[in-house]
Amino acid sequence: VAFLPTGAVALGVHIKNKLVVLDKVLF
């Protein structure tokens, strides 16, 4: 339960910093 908001915020930060290849995330 604690991981859900933490993970969501971390993913948002990584997307903002262009550290996530969005077209491959679904895989």
mmCIF file of all heavy atoms, coordinates in Angstrom:
data_MODEL
# 
_entry.id   MODEL 
# 
loop_
_atom_site.group_PDB 
_atom_site.id 
_atom_site.type_symbol 
_atom_site.label_atom_id 
_atom_site.label_alt_id 
_atom_site.label_comp_id 
_atom_site.label_asym_id 
_atom_site.label_entity_id 
_atom_site.label_seq_id 
_atom_site.pdbx_PDB_ins_code 
_atom_site.Cartn_x 
_atom_site.Cartn_y 
_atom_site.Cartn_z 
_atom_site.occupancy 
_atom_site.B_iso_or_equiv 
_atom_site.pdbx_formal_charge 
_atom_site.auth_seq_id 
_atom_site.auth_comp_id 
_atom_site.auth_asym_id 
_atom_site.auth_atom_id 
_atom_site.pdbx_PDB_model_num 
ATOM 1   N N   . VAL A 1 1  ? 0.837  -1.202 0.000   1.00 0.00 ? 1  VAL A N   1 
ATOM 2   C CA  . VAL A 1 1  ? 0.000  0.000  0.000   1.00 0.00 ? 1  VAL A CA  1 
ATOM 3   C C   . VAL A 1 1  ? 0.876  1.258  0.000   1.00 0.00 ? 1  VAL A C   1 
ATOM 4   O O   . VAL A 1 1  ? 0.587  2.226  -0.704  1.00 0.00 ? 1  VAL A O   1 
ATOM 5   C CB  . VAL A 1 1  ? -0.979 -0.016 1.198   1.00 0.00 ? 1  VAL A CB  1 
ATOM 6   C CG1 . VAL A 1 1  ? -1.669 1.316  1.370   1.00 0.00 ? 1  VAL A CG1 1 
ATOM 7   C CG2 . VAL A 1 1  ? -2.012 -1.122 1.014   1.00 0.00 ? 1  VAL A CG2 1 
ATOM 8   N N   . ALA A 1 2  ? 1.950  1.247  0.761   1.00 0.00 ? 2  ALA A N   1 
ATOM 9   C CA  . ALA A 1 2  ? 2.862  2.392  0.805   1.00 0.00 ? 2  ALA A CA  1 
ATOM 10  C C   . ALA A 1 2  ? 3.602  2.558  -0.518  1.00 0.00 ? 2  ALA A C   1 
ATOM 11  O O   . ALA A 1 2  ? 3.964  3.673  -0.906  1.00 0.00 ? 2  ALA A O   1 
ATOM 12  C CB  . ALA A 1 2  ? 3.862  2.223  1.937   1.00 0.00 ? 2  ALA A CB  1 
ATOM 13  N N   . PHE A 1 3  ? 3.803  1.459  -1.240  1.00 0.00 ? 3  PHE A N   1 
ATOM 14  C CA  . PHE A 1 3  ? 4.544  1.516  -2.499  1.00 0.00 ? 3  PHE A CA  1 
ATOM 15  C C   . PHE A 1 3  ? 3.758  2.215  -3.607  1.00 0.00 ? 3  PHE A C   1 
ATOM 16  O O   . PHE A 1 3  ? 4.354  2.860  -4.469  1.00 0.00 ? 3  PHE A O   1 
ATOM 17  C CB  . PHE A 1 3  ? 4.926  0.103  -2.954  1.00 0.00 ? 3  PHE A CB  1 
ATOM 18  C CG  . PHE A 1 3  ? 5.578  0.082  -4.309  1.00 0.00 ? 3  PHE A CG  1 
ATOM 19  C CD1 . PHE A 1 3  ? 6.897  0.467  -4.453  1.00 0.00 ? 3  PHE A CD1 1 
ATOM 20  C CD2 . PHE A 1 3  ? 4.867  -0.285 -5.426  1.00 0.00 ? 3  PHE A CD2 1 
ATOM 21  C CE1 . PHE A 1 3  ? 7.503  0.465  -5.698  1.00 0.00 ? 3  PHE A CE1 1 
ATOM 22  C CE2 . PHE A 1 3  ? 5.461  -0.293 -6.675  1.00 0.00 ? 3  PHE A CE2 1 
ATOM 23  C CZ  . PHE A 1 3  ? 6.785  0.094  -6.814  1.00 0.00 ? 3  PHE A CZ  1 
ATOM 24  N N   . LEU A 1 4  ? 2.450  2.098  -3.587  1.00 0.00 ? 4  LEU A N   1 
ATOM 25  C CA  . LEU A 1 4  ? 1.651  2.656  -4.680  1.00 0.00 ? 4  LEU A CA  1 
ATOM 26  C C   . LEU A 1 4  ? 1.882  4.153  -4.883  1.00 0.00 ? 4  LEU A C   1 
ATOM 27  O O   . LEU A 1 4  ? 2.254  4.563  -5.989  1.00 0.00 ? 4  LEU A O   1 
ATOM 28  C CB  . LEU A 1 4  ? 0.168  2.343  -4.479  1.00 0.00 ? 4  LEU A CB  1 
ATOM 29  C CG  . LEU A 1 4  ? -0.193 0.856  -4.594  1.00 0.00 ? 4  LEU A CG  1 
ATOM 30  C CD1 . LEU A 1 4  ? -1.662 0.641  -4.242  1.00 0.00 ? 4  LEU A CD1 1 
ATOM 31  C CD2 . LEU A 1 4  ? 0.092  0.336  -5.988  1.00 0.00 ? 4  LEU A CD2 1 
ATOM 32  N N   . PRO A 1 5  ? 1.716  5.011  -3.870  1.00 0.00 ? 5  PRO A N   1 
ATOM 33  C CA  . PRO A 1 5  ? 1.985  6.429  -4.120  1.00 0.00 ? 5  PRO A CA  1 
ATOM 34  C C   . PRO A 1 5  ? 3.466  6.719  -4.361  1.00 0.00 ? 5  PRO A C   1 
ATOM 35  O O   . PRO A 1 5  ? 3.817  7.560  -5.189  1.00 0.00 ? 5  PRO A O   1 
ATOM 36  C CB  . PRO A 1 5  ? 1.486  7.127  -2.851  1.00 0.00 ? 5  PRO A CB  1 
ATOM 37  C CG  . PRO A 1 5  ? 1.407  6.074  -1.812  1.00 0.00 ? 5  PRO A CG  1 
ATOM 38  C CD  . PRO A 1 5  ? 1.179  4.775  -2.531  1.00 0.00 ? 5  PRO A CD  1 
ATOM 39  N N   . THR A 1 6  ? 4.333  5.998  -3.656  1.00 0.00 ? 6  THR A N   1 
ATOM 40  C CA  . THR A 1 6  ? 5.769  6.201  -3.839  1.00 0.00 ? 6  THR A CA  1 
ATOM 41  C C   . THR A 1 6  ? 6.186  5.871  -5.268  1.00 0.00 ? 6  THR A C   1 
ATOM 42  O O   . THR A 1 6  ? 6.919  6.624  -5.913  1.00 0.00 ? 6  THR A O   1 
ATOM 43  C CB  . THR A 1 6  ? 6.568  5.322  -2.854  1.00 0.00 ? 6  THR A CB  1 
ATOM 44  O OG1 . THR A 1 6  ? 6.110  5.580  -1.536  1.00 0.00 ? 6  THR A OG1 1 
ATOM 45  C CG2 . THR A 1 6  ? 8.046  5.591  -2.945  1.00 0.00 ? 6  THR A CG2 1 
ATOM 46  N N   . GLY A 1 7  ? 5.712  4.730  -5.760  1.00 0.00 ? 7  GLY A N   1 
ATOM 47  C CA  . GLY A 1 7  ? 6.039  4.313  -7.126  1.00 0.00 ? 7  GLY A CA  1 
ATOM 48  C C   . GLY A 1 7  ? 5.460  5.257  -8.172  1.00 0.00 ? 7  GLY A C   1 
ATOM 49  O O   . GLY A 1 7  ? 6.109  5.564  -9.175  1.00 0.00 ? 7  GLY A O   1 
ATOM 50  N N   . ALA A 1 8  ? 4.248  5.738  -7.935  1.00 0.00 ? 8  ALA A N   1 
ATOM 51  C CA  . ALA A 1 8  ? 3.620  6.662  -8.883  1.00 0.00 ? 8  ALA A CA  1 
ATOM 52  C C   . ALA A 1 8  ? 4.404  7.972  -8.976  1.00 0.00 ? 8  ALA A C   1 
ATOM 53  O O   . ALA A 1 8  ? 4.654  8.485  -10.080 1.00 0.00 ? 8  ALA A O   1 
ATOM 54  C CB  . ALA A 1 8  ? 2.176  6.926  -8.474  1.00 0.00 ? 8  ALA A CB  1 
ATOM 55  N N   . VAL A 1 9  ? 4.821  8.490  -7.831  1.00 0.00 ? 9  VAL A N   1 
ATOM 56  C CA  . VAL A 1 9  ? 5.604  9.732  -7.827  1.00 0.00 ? 9  VAL A CA  1 
ATOM 57  C C   . VAL A 1 9  ? 6.955  9.508  -8.497  1.00 0.00 ? 9  VAL A C   1 
ATOM 58  O O   . VAL A 1 9  ? 7.402  10.318 -9.317  1.00 0.00 ? 9  VAL A O   1 
ATOM 59  C CB  . VAL A 1 9  ? 5.785  10.265 -6.386  1.00 0.00 ? 9  VAL A CB  1 
ATOM 60  C CG1 . VAL A 1 9  ? 6.796  11.400 -6.341  1.00 0.00 ? 9  VAL A CG1 1 
ATOM 61  C CG2 . VAL A 1 9  ? 4.443  10.718 -5.829  1.00 0.00 ? 9  VAL A CG2 1 
ATOM 62  N N   . ALA A 1 10 ? 7.605  8.397  -8.169  1.00 0.00 ? 10 ALA A N   1 
ATOM 63  C CA  . ALA A 1 10 ? 8.917  8.104  -8.773  1.00 0.00 ? 10 ALA A CA  1 
ATOM 64  C C   . ALA A 1 10 ? 8.801  7.958  -10.286 1.00 0.00 ? 10 ALA A C   1 
ATOM 65  O O   . ALA A 1 10 ? 9.637  8.482  -11.030 1.00 0.00 ? 10 ALA A O   1 
ATOM 66  C CB  . ALA A 1 10 ? 9.496  6.835  -8.162  1.00 0.00 ? 10 ALA A CB  1 
ATOM 67  N N   . LEU A 1 11 ? 7.762  7.272  -10.752 1.00 0.00 ? 11 LEU A N   1 
ATOM 68  C CA  . LEU A 1 11 ? 7.571  7.126  -12.198 1.00 0.00 ? 11 LEU A CA  1 
ATOM 69  C C   . LEU A 1 11 ? 7.350  8.480  -12.851 1.00 0.00 ? 11 LEU A C   1 
ATOM 70  O O   . LEU A 1 11 ? 7.916  8.763  -13.912 1.00 0.00 ? 11 LEU A O   1 
ATOM 71  C CB  . LEU A 1 11 ? 6.387  6.185  -12.483 1.00 0.00 ? 11 LEU A CB  1 
ATOM 72  C CG  . LEU A 1 11 ? 6.095  5.916  -13.959 1.00 0.00 ? 11 LEU A CG  1 
ATOM 73  C CD1 . LEU A 1 11 ? 7.294  5.280  -14.651 1.00 0.00 ? 11 LEU A CD1 1 
ATOM 74  C CD2 . LEU A 1 11 ? 4.863  5.028  -14.092 1.00 0.00 ? 11 LEU A CD2 1 
ATOM 75  N N   . GLY A 1 12 ? 6.556  9.333  -12.196 1.00 0.00 ? 12 GLY A N   1 
ATOM 76  C CA  . GLY A 1 12 ? 6.331  10.685 -12.738 1.00 0.00 ? 12 GLY A CA  1 
ATOM 77  C C   . GLY A 1 12 ? 7.618  11.482 -12.858 1.00 0.00 ? 12 GLY A C   1 
ATOM 78  O O   . GLY A 1 12 ? 7.860  12.146 -13.863 1.00 0.00 ? 12 GLY A O   1 
ATOM 79  N N   . VAL A 1 13 ? 8.459  11.396 -11.830 1.00 0.00 ? 13 VAL A N   1 
ATOM 80  C CA  . VAL A 1 13 ? 9.741  12.111 -11.852 1.00 0.00 ? 13 VAL A CA  1 
ATOM 81  C C   . VAL A 1 13 ? 10.637 11.569 -12.960 1.00 0.00 ? 13 VAL A C   1 
ATOM 82  O O   . VAL A 1 13 ? 11.261 12.333 -13.705 1.00 0.00 ? 13 VAL A O   1 
ATOM 83  C CB  . VAL A 1 13 ? 10.452 12.011 -10.480 1.00 0.00 ? 13 VAL A CB  1 
ATOM 84  C CG1 . VAL A 1 13 ? 11.888 12.510 -10.556 1.00 0.00 ? 13 VAL A CG1 1 
ATOM 85  C CG2 . VAL A 1 13 ? 9.663  12.778 -9.430  1.00 0.00 ? 13 VAL A CG2 1 
ATOM 86  N N   . HIS A 1 14 ? 10.681 10.244 -13.112 1.00 0.00 ? 14 HIS A N   1 
ATOM 87  C CA  . HIS A 1 14 ? 11.528 9.656  -14.152 1.00 0.00 ? 14 HIS A CA  1 
ATOM 88  C C   . HIS A 1 14 ? 11.018 9.997  -15.558 1.00 0.00 ? 14 HIS A C   1 
ATOM 89  O O   . HIS A 1 14 ? 11.817 10.225 -16.471 1.00 0.00 ? 14 HIS A O   1 
ATOM 90  C CB  . HIS A 1 14 ? 11.618 8.135  -13.977 1.00 0.00 ? 14 HIS A CB  1 
ATOM 91  C CG  . HIS A 1 14 ? 12.422 7.724  -12.776 1.00 0.00 ? 14 HIS A CG  1 
ATOM 92  N ND1 . HIS A 1 14 ? 13.633 8.268  -12.459 1.00 0.00 ? 14 HIS A ND1 1 
ATOM 93  C CD2 . HIS A 1 14 ? 12.174 6.800  -11.812 1.00 0.00 ? 14 HIS A CD2 1 
ATOM 94  C CE1 . HIS A 1 14 ? 14.114 7.721  -11.367 1.00 0.00 ? 14 HIS A CE1 1 
ATOM 95  N NE2 . HIS A 1 14 ? 13.235 6.828  -10.945 1.00 0.00 ? 14 HIS A NE2 1 
ATOM 96  N N   . ILE A 1 15 ? 9.702  10.052 -15.728 1.00 0.00 ? 15 ILE A N   1 
ATOM 97  C CA  . ILE A 1 15 ? 9.146  10.448 -17.036 1.00 0.00 ? 15 ILE A CA  1 
ATOM 98  C C   . ILE A 1 15 ? 9.487  11.908 -17.318 1.00 0.00 ? 15 ILE A C   1 
ATOM 99  O O   . ILE A 1 15 ? 9.901  12.263 -18.426 1.00 0.00 ? 15 ILE A O   1 
ATOM 100 C CB  . ILE A 1 15 ? 7.620  10.205 -17.070 1.00 0.00 ? 15 ILE A CB  1 
ATOM 101 C CG1 . ILE A 1 15 ? 7.336  8.703  -17.121 1.00 0.00 ? 15 ILE A CG1 1 
ATOM 102 C CG2 . ILE A 1 15 ? 6.982  10.912 -18.263 1.00 0.00 ? 15 ILE A CG2 1 
ATOM 103 C CD1 . ILE A 1 15 ? 5.871  8.336  -16.977 1.00 0.00 ? 15 ILE A CD1 1 
ATOM 104 N N   . LYS A 1 16 ? 9.337  12.759 -16.308 1.00 0.00 ? 16 LYS A N   1 
ATOM 105 C CA  . LYS A 1 16 ? 9.656  14.187 -16.459 1.00 0.00 ? 16 LYS A CA  1 
ATOM 106 C C   . LYS A 1 16 ? 11.124 14.388 -16.845 1.00 0.00 ? 16 LYS A C   1 
ATOM 107 O O   . LYS A 1 16 ? 11.455 15.249 -17.649 1.00 0.00 ? 16 LYS A O   1 
ATOM 108 C CB  . LYS A 1 16 ? 9.350  14.915 -15.153 1.00 0.00 ? 16 LYS A CB  1 
ATOM 109 C CG  . LYS A 1 16 ? 9.655  16.396 -15.184 1.00 0.00 ? 16 LYS A CG  1 
ATOM 110 C CD  . LYS A 1 16 ? 9.388  17.033 -13.838 1.00 0.00 ? 16 LYS A CD  1 
ATOM 111 C CE  . LYS A 1 16 ? 9.895  18.455 -13.839 1.00 0.00 ? 16 LYS A CE  1 
ATOM 112 N NZ  . LYS A 1 16 ? 9.918  19.025 -12.508 1.00 0.00 ? 16 LYS A NZ  1 
ATOM 113 N N   . ASN A 1 17 ? 12.004 13.580 -16.264 1.00 0.00 ? 17 ASN A N   1 
ATOM 114 C CA  . ASN A 1 17 ? 13.439 13.683 -16.555 1.00 0.00 ? 17 ASN A CA  1 
ATOM 115 C C   . ASN A 1 17 ? 13.850 12.895 -17.794 1.00 0.00 ? 17 ASN A C   1 
ATOM 116 O O   . ASN A 1 17 ? 15.037 12.743 -18.054 1.00 0.00 ? 17 ASN A O   1 
ATOM 117 C CB  . ASN A 1 17 ? 14.244 13.221 -15.342 1.00 0.00 ? 17 ASN A CB  1 
ATOM 118 C CG  . ASN A 1 17 ? 14.109 14.169 -14.175 1.00 0.00 ? 17 ASN A CG  1 
ATOM 119 O OD1 . ASN A 1 17 ? 13.913 15.365 -14.361 1.00 0.00 ? 17 ASN A OD1 1 
ATOM 120 N ND2 . ASN A 1 17 ? 14.198 13.652 -12.969 1.00 0.00 ? 17 ASN A ND2 1 
ATOM 121 N N   . LYS A 1 18 ? 12.852 12.412 -18.531 1.00 0.00 ? 18 LYS A N   1 
ATOM 122 C CA  . LYS A 1 18 ? 13.076 11.668 -19.786 1.00 0.00 ? 18 LYS A CA  1 
ATOM 123 C C   . LYS A 1 18 ? 13.970 10.439 -19.584 1.00 0.00 ? 18 LYS A C   1 
ATOM 124 O O   . LYS A 1 18 ? 14.816 10.121 -20.411 1.00 0.00 ? 18 LYS A O   1 
ATOM 125 C CB  . LYS A 1 18 ? 13.639 12.583 -20.854 1.00 0.00 ? 18 LYS A CB  1 
ATOM 126 C CG  . LYS A 1 18 ? 12.691 13.724 -21.214 1.00 0.00 ? 18 LYS A CG  1 
ATOM 127 C CD  . LYS A 1 18 ? 13.229 14.558 -22.336 1.00 0.00 ? 18 LYS A CD  1 
ATOM 128 C CE  . LYS A 1 18 ? 12.411 15.719 -22.749 1.00 0.00 ? 18 LYS A CE  1 
ATOM 129 N NZ  . LYS A 1 18 ? 11.182 16.058 -22.221 1.00 0.00 ? 18 LYS A NZ  1 
ATOM 130 N N   . LEU A 1 19 ? 13.759 9.747  -18.454 1.00 0.00 ? 19 LEU A N   1 
ATOM 131 C CA  . LEU A 1 19 ? 14.508 8.535  -18.161 1.00 0.00 ? 19 LEU A CA  1 
ATOM 132 C C   . LEU A 1 19 ? 13.705 7.277  -18.470 1.00 0.00 ? 19 LEU A C   1 
ATOM 133 O O   . LEU A 1 19 ? 14.166 6.174  -18.204 1.00 0.00 ? 19 LEU A O   1 
ATOM 134 C CB  . LEU A 1 19 ? 14.941 8.533  -16.689 1.00 0.00 ? 19 LEU A CB  1 
ATOM 135 C CG  . LEU A 1 19 ? 15.877 9.669  -16.277 1.00 0.00 ? 19 LEU A CG  1 
ATOM 136 C CD1 . LEU A 1 19 ? 16.072 9.685  -14.763 1.00 0.00 ? 19 LEU A CD1 1 
ATOM 137 C CD2 . LEU A 1 19 ? 17.207 9.550  -16.988 1.00 0.00 ? 19 LEU A CD2 1 
ATOM 138 N N   . VAL A 1 20 ? 12.505 7.450  -19.013 1.00 0.00 ? 20 VAL A N   1 
ATOM 139 C CA  . VAL A 1 20 ? 11.630 6.328  -19.318 1.00 0.00 ? 20 VAL A CA  1 
ATOM 140 C C   . VAL A 1 20 ? 11.342 6.333  -20.814 1.00 0.00 ? 20 VAL A C   1 
ATOM 141 O O   . VAL A 1 20 ? 10.962 7.356  -21.381 1.00 0.00 ? 20 VAL A O   1 
ATOM 142 C CB  . VAL A 1 20 ? 10.299 6.433  -18.532 1.00 0.00 ? 20 VAL A CB  1 
ATOM 143 C CG1 . VAL A 1 20 ? 9.350  5.313  -18.917 1.00 0.00 ? 20 VAL A CG1 1 
ATOM 144 C CG2 . VAL A 1 20 ? 10.565 6.418  -17.039 1.00 0.00 ? 20 VAL A CG2 1 
ATOM 145 N N   . VAL A 1 21 ? 11.553 5.194  -21.457 1.00 0.00 ? 21 VAL A N   1 
ATOM 146 C CA  . VAL A 1 21 ? 11.217 5.039  -22.865 1.00 0.00 ? 21 VAL A CA  1 
ATOM 147 C C   . VAL A 1 21 ? 9.742  4.643  -22.915 1.00 0.00 ? 21 VAL A C   1 
ATOM 148 O O   . VAL A 1 21 ? 9.384  3.483  -22.695 1.00 0.00 ? 21 VAL A O   1 
ATOM 149 C CB  . VAL A 1 21 ? 12.110 3.965  -23.539 1.00 0.00 ? 21 VAL A CB  1 
ATOM 150 C CG1 . VAL A 1 21 ? 11.773 3.841  -25.013 1.00 0.00 ? 21 VAL A CG1 1 
ATOM 151 C CG2 . VAL A 1 21 ? 13.576 4.304  -23.340 1.00 0.00 ? 21 VAL A CG2 1 
ATOM 152 N N   . LEU A 1 22 ? 8.875  5.624  -23.161 1.00 0.00 ? 22 LEU A N   1 
ATOM 153 C CA  . LEU A 1 22 ? 7.431  5.436  -23.017 1.00 0.00 ? 22 LEU A CA  1 
ATOM 154 C C   . LEU A 1 22 ? 6.850  4.362  -23.930 1.00 0.00 ? 22 LEU A C   1 
ATOM 155 O O   . LEU A 1 22 ? 5.932  3.648  -23.535 1.00 0.00 ? 22 LEU A O   1 
ATOM 156 C CB  . LEU A 1 22 ? 6.702  6.759  -23.237 1.00 0.00 ? 22 LEU A CB  1 
ATOM 157 C CG  . LEU A 1 22 ? 6.907  7.787  -22.134 1.00 0.00 ? 22 LEU A CG  1 
ATOM 158 C CD1 . LEU A 1 22 ? 6.267  9.116  -22.505 1.00 0.00 ? 22 LEU A CD1 1 
ATOM 159 C CD2 . LEU A 1 22 ? 6.334  7.290  -20.821 1.00 0.00 ? 22 LEU A CD2 1 
ATOM 160 N N   . ASP A 1 23 ? 7.384  4.220  -25.138 1.00 0.00 ? 23 ASP A N   1 
ATOM 161 C CA  . ASP A 1 23 ? 6.813  3.217  -26.055 1.00 0.00 ? 23 ASP A CA  1 
ATOM 162 C C   . ASP A 1 23 ? 7.132  1.782  -25.628 1.00 0.00 ? 23 ASP A C   1 
ATOM 163 O O   . ASP A 1 23 ? 6.535  0.844  -26.124 1.00 0.00 ? 23 ASP A O   1 
ATOM 164 C CB  . ASP A 1 23 ? 7.253  3.476  -27.495 1.00 0.00 ? 23 ASP A CB  1 
ATOM 165 C CG  . ASP A 1 23 ? 8.758  3.415  -27.685 1.00 0.00 ? 23 ASP A CG  1 
ATOM 166 O OD1 . ASP A 1 23 ? 9.485  3.641  -26.709 1.00 0.00 ? 23 ASP A OD1 1 
ATOM 167 O OD2 . ASP A 1 23 ? 9.197  3.163  -28.824 1.00 0.00 ? 23 ASP A OD2 1 
ATOM 168 N N   . LYS A 1 24 ? 8.033  1.607  -24.670 1.00 0.00 ? 24 LYS A N   1 
ATOM 169 C CA  . LYS A 1 24 ? 8.374  0.259  -24.208 1.00 0.00 ? 24 LYS A CA  1 
ATOM 170 C C   . LYS A 1 24 ? 7.866  -0.024 -22.792 1.00 0.00 ? 24 LYS A C   1 
ATOM 171 O O   . LYS A 1 24 ? 8.027  -1.129 -22.287 1.00 0.00 ? 24 LYS A O   1 
ATOM 172 C CB  . LYS A 1 24 ? 9.882  0.052  -24.271 1.00 0.00 ? 24 LYS A CB  1 
ATOM 173 C CG  . LYS A 1 24 ? 10.380 0.142  -25.702 1.00 0.00 ? 24 LYS A CG  1 
ATOM 174 C CD  . LYS A 1 24 ? 11.814 -0.202 -25.842 1.00 0.00 ? 24 LYS A CD  1 
ATOM 175 C CE  . LYS A 1 24 ? 12.160 -0.070 -27.316 1.00 0.00 ? 24 LYS A CE  1 
ATOM 176 N NZ  . LYS A 1 24 ? 13.492 -0.382 -27.615 1.00 0.00 ? 24 LYS A NZ  1 
ATOM 177 N N   . VAL A 1 25 ? 7.255  0.967  -22.169 1.00 0.00 ? 25 VAL A N   1 
ATOM 178 C CA  . VAL A 1 25 ? 6.798  0.814  -20.787 1.00 0.00 ? 25 VAL A CA  1 
ATOM 179 C C   . VAL A 1 25 ? 5.732  -0.267 -20.664 1.00 0.00 ? 25 VAL A C   1 
ATOM 180 O O   . VAL A 1 25 ? 5.748  -1.065 -19.730 1.00 0.00 ? 25 VAL A O   1 
ATOM 181 C CB  . VAL A 1 25 ? 6.285  2.163  -20.231 1.00 0.00 ? 25 VAL A CB  1 
ATOM 182 C CG1 . VAL A 1 25 ? 5.478  1.980  -18.973 1.00 0.00 ? 25 VAL A CG1 1 
ATOM 183 C CG2 . VAL A 1 25 ? 7.450  3.088  -19.975 1.00 0.00 ? 25 VAL A CG2 1 
ATOM 184 N N   . LEU A 1 26 ? 4.796  -0.323 -21.604 1.00 0.00 ? 26 LEU A N   1 
ATOM 185 C CA  . LEU A 1 26 ? 3.714  -1.310 -21.516 1.00 0.00 ? 26 LEU A CA  1 
ATOM 186 C C   . LEU A 1 26 ? 4.232  -2.740 -21.527 1.00 0.00 ? 26 LEU A C   1 
ATOM 187 O O   . LEU A 1 26 ? 3.658  -3.608 -20.890 1.00 0.00 ? 26 LEU A O   1 
ATOM 188 C CB  . LEU A 1 26 ? 2.700  -1.106 -22.641 1.00 0.00 ? 26 LEU A CB  1 
ATOM 189 C CG  . LEU A 1 26 ? 1.771  0.095  -22.477 1.00 0.00 ? 26 LEU A CG  1 
ATOM 190 C CD1 . LEU A 1 26 ? 0.833  0.203  -23.668 1.00 0.00 ? 26 LEU A CD1 1 
ATOM 191 C CD2 . LEU A 1 26 ? 0.997  0.018  -21.189 1.00 0.00 ? 26 LEU A CD2 1 
ATOM 192 N N   . PHE A 1 27 ? 5.318  -2.974 -22.247 1.00 0.00 ? 27 PHE A N   1 
ATOM 193 C CA  . PHE A 1 27 ? 5.887  -4.322 -22.292 1.00 0.00 ? 27 PHE A CA  1 
ATOM 194 C C   . PHE A 1 27 ? 6.451  -4.740 -20.940 1.00 0.00 ? 27 PHE A C   1 
ATOM 195 O O   . PHE A 1 27 ? 6.631  -5.924 -20.669 1.00 0.00 ? 27 PHE A O   1 
ATOM 196 C CB  . PHE A 1 27 ? 6.977  -4.426 -23.365 1.00 0.00 ? 27 PHE A CB  1 
ATOM 197 C CG  . PHE A 1 27 ? 6.447  -4.293 -24.758 1.00 0.00 ? 27 PHE A CG  1 
ATOM 198 C CD1 . PHE A 1 27 ? 6.731  -3.170 -25.517 1.00 0.00 ? 27 PHE A CD1 1 
ATOM 199 C CD2 . PHE A 1 27 ? 5.642  -5.276 -25.301 1.00 0.00 ? 27 PHE A CD2 1 
ATOM 200 C CE1 . PHE A 1 27 ? 6.240  -3.040 -26.800 1.00 0.00 ? 27 PHE A CE1 1 
ATOM 201 C CE2 . PHE A 1 27 ? 5.138  -5.158 -26.581 1.00 0.00 ? 27 PHE A CE2 1 
ATOM 202 C CZ  . PHE A 1 27 ? 5.434  -4.038 -27.332 1.00 0.00 ? 27 PHE A CZ  1 
# 
